[in-house]
Amino acid sequence: MPTVQVNLYAGLRSYIGGKASVAVEVSPDQTVRELLAGLGIPPEHTRILFVNGRPATTNTPVSEGDQVGVFPAIGGG
């Protein structure tokens, strides 16, 4: 089955046991939203998404060999 590499940053790493990245199997036409749901990451916990170094949304499709970067929503002031 095709896989993508998911890189998580800051507190999001807790969803994958504290690791920085994980390889995830994907199905055809799967979106970033579905990928995150499979990892148990609520969309509201994410802020910035990249697929292959380009800005993405939760509706962006992913496919074999893609690199997905996910940054959390961080409050500050």
C-alpha atoms as a PDB file:
ATOM      1  CA  MET A   1       0.000   0.000   0.000  1.00  0.00           C
ATOM      2  CA  PRO A   2       1.280   3.546  -0.722  1.00  0.00           C
ATOM      3  CA  THR A   3       2.772   5.505   2.178  1.00  0.00           C
ATOM      4  CA  VAL A   4       3.409   9.148   3.057  1.00  0.00           C
ATOM      5  CA  GLN A   5       5.797  10.570   5.650  1.00  0.00           C
ATOM      6  CA  VAL A   6       4.064  12.700   8.290  1.00  0.00           C
ATOM      7  CA  ASN A   7       6.228  15.136  10.268  1.00  0.00           C
ATOM      8  CA  LEU A   8       4.608  16.480  13.425  1.00  0.00           C
ATOM      9  CA  TYR A   9       5.862  19.428  15.444  1.00  0.00           C
ATOM     10  CA  ALA A  10       5.685  20.505  19.098  1.00  0.00           C
ATOM     11  CA  GLY A  11       2.800  19.037  21.095  1.00  0.00           C
ATOM     12  CA  LEU A  12       1.377  17.146  18.120  1.00  0.00           C
ATOM     13  CA  ARG A  13       4.139  14.576  18.534  1.00  0.00           C
ATOM     14  CA  SER A  14       2.259  13.156  21.507  1.00  0.00           C
ATOM     15  CA  TYR A  15      -0.198  11.632  19.021  1.00  0.00           C
ATOM     16  CA  ILE A  16       2.535   9.369  17.656  1.00  0.00           C
ATOM     17  CA  GLY A  17       4.307   8.470  20.881  1.00  0.00           C
ATOM     18  CA  GLY A  18       6.613  11.492  20.960  1.00  0.00           C
ATOM     19  CA  LYS A  19       8.315  10.690  17.652  1.00  0.00           C
ATOM     20  CA  ALA A  20       9.025  13.440  15.140  1.00  0.00           C
ATOM     21  CA  SER A  21       7.623  11.553  12.149  1.00  0.00           C
ATOM     22  CA  VAL A  22       5.778   8.455  11.081  1.00  0.00           C
ATOM     23  CA  ALA A  23       5.137   6.650   7.788  1.00  0.00           C
ATOM     24  CA  VAL A  24       1.402   6.231   7.161  1.00  0.00           C
ATOM     25  CA  GLU A  25      -0.348   4.079   4.594  1.00  0.00           C
ATOM     26  CA  VAL A  26      -2.810   6.013   2.439  1.00  0.00           C
ATOM     27  CA  SER A  27      -5.582   5.103   0.059  1.00  0.00           C
ATOM     28  CA  PRO A  28      -6.225   6.753  -3.307  1.00  0.00           C
ATOM     29  CA  ASP A  29      -7.761  10.233  -3.067  1.00  0.00           C
ATOM     30  CA  GLN A  30      -7.134  10.441   0.681  1.00  0.00           C
ATOM     31  CA  THR A  31      -6.955  13.996   2.042  1.00  0.00           C
ATOM     32  CA  VAL A  32      -4.843  15.550   4.766  1.00  0.00           C
ATOM     33  CA  ARG A  33      -8.010  15.689   6.928  1.00  0.00           C
ATOM     34  CA  GLU A  34      -8.478  11.915   6.625  1.00  0.00           C
ATOM     35  CA  LEU A  35      -4.788  11.332   7.263  1.00  0.00           C
ATOM     36  CA  LEU A  36      -4.926  13.388  10.478  1.00  0.00           C
ATOM     37  CA  ALA A  37      -8.136  11.641  11.580  1.00  0.00           C
ATOM     38  CA  GLY A  38      -6.391   8.287  11.168  1.00  0.00           C
ATOM     39  CA  LEU A  39      -3.691   9.500  13.563  1.00  0.00           C
ATOM     40  CA  GLY A  40      -6.310  10.750  16.027  1.00  0.00           C
ATOM     41  CA  ILE A  41      -5.357  14.410  15.553  1.00  0.00           C
ATOM     42  CA  PRO A  42      -8.347  16.788  15.753  1.00  0.00           C
ATOM     43  CA  PRO A  43      -8.250  19.372  12.928  1.00  0.00           C
ATOM     44  CA  GLU A  44      -8.674  22.204  15.430  1.00  0.00           C
ATOM     45  CA  HIS A  45      -5.319  21.236  16.990  1.00  0.00           C
ATOM     46  CA  THR A  46      -3.512  22.004  13.733  1.00  0.00           C
ATOM     47  CA  ARG A  47      -2.641  25.412  12.330  1.00  0.00           C
ATOM     48  CA  ILE A  48      -0.147  25.153   9.480  1.00  0.00           C
ATOM     49  CA  LEU A  49      -0.041  22.311   6.964  1.00  0.00           C
ATOM     50  CA  PHE A  50       2.461  21.548   4.216  1.00  0.00           C
ATOM     51  CA  VAL A  51       2.538  18.847   1.557  1.00  0.00           C
ATOM     52  CA  ASN A  52       5.921  18.496  -0.133  1.00  0.00           C
ATOM     53  CA  GLY A  53       7.012  21.872   1.250  1.00  0.00           C
ATOM     54  CA  ARG A  54       4.013  23.742  -0.153  1.00  0.00           C
ATOM     55  CA  PRO A  55       1.186  25.257   1.910  1.00  0.00           C
ATOM     56  CA  ALA A  56      -1.789  22.906   2.135  1.00  0.00           C
ATOM     57  CA  THR A  57      -5.265  22.660   3.636  1.00  0.00           C
ATOM     58  CA  THR A  58      -7.095  19.751   5.199  1.00  0.00           C
ATOM     59  CA  ASN A  59      -8.725  19.177   1.785  1.00  0.00           C
ATOM     60  CA  THR A  60      -5.382  18.700   0.006  1.00  0.00           C
ATOM     61  CA  PRO A  61      -5.028  15.166  -1.393  1.00  0.00           C
ATOM     62  CA  VAL A  62      -1.970  13.081  -0.527  1.00  0.00           C
ATOM     63  CA  SER A  63      -0.349  10.324  -2.530  1.00  0.00           C
ATOM     64  CA  GLU A  64       2.556   7.892  -2.504  1.00  0.00           C
ATOM     65  CA  GLY A  65       5.827   9.422  -1.370  1.00  0.00           C
ATOM     66  CA  ASP A  66       4.418  12.751  -0.179  1.00  0.00           C
ATOM     67  CA  GLN A  67       5.941  14.552   2.826  1.00  0.00           C
ATOM     68  CA  VAL A  68       3.294  16.101   5.097  1.00  0.00           C
ATOM     69  CA  GLY A  69       4.250  18.696   7.718  1.00  0.00           C
ATOM     70  CA  VAL A  70       1.802  19.522  10.505  1.00  0.00           C
ATOM     71  CA  PHE A  71       2.272  22.400  12.955  1.00  0.00           C
ATOM     72  CA  PRO A  72       0.000  22.954  15.965  1.00  0.00           C
ATOM     73  CA  ALA A  73      -2.194  25.904  16.786  1.00  0.00           C
ATOM     74  CA  ILE A  74      -0.141  27.754  19.393  1.00  0.00           C
ATOM     75  CA  GLY A  75      -1.451  30.576  21.494  1.00  0.00           C
ATOM     76  CA  GLY A  76       0.725  33.463  22.525  1.00  0.00           C
ATOM     77  CA  GLY A  77       0.827  37.126  22.902  1.00  0.00           C
END
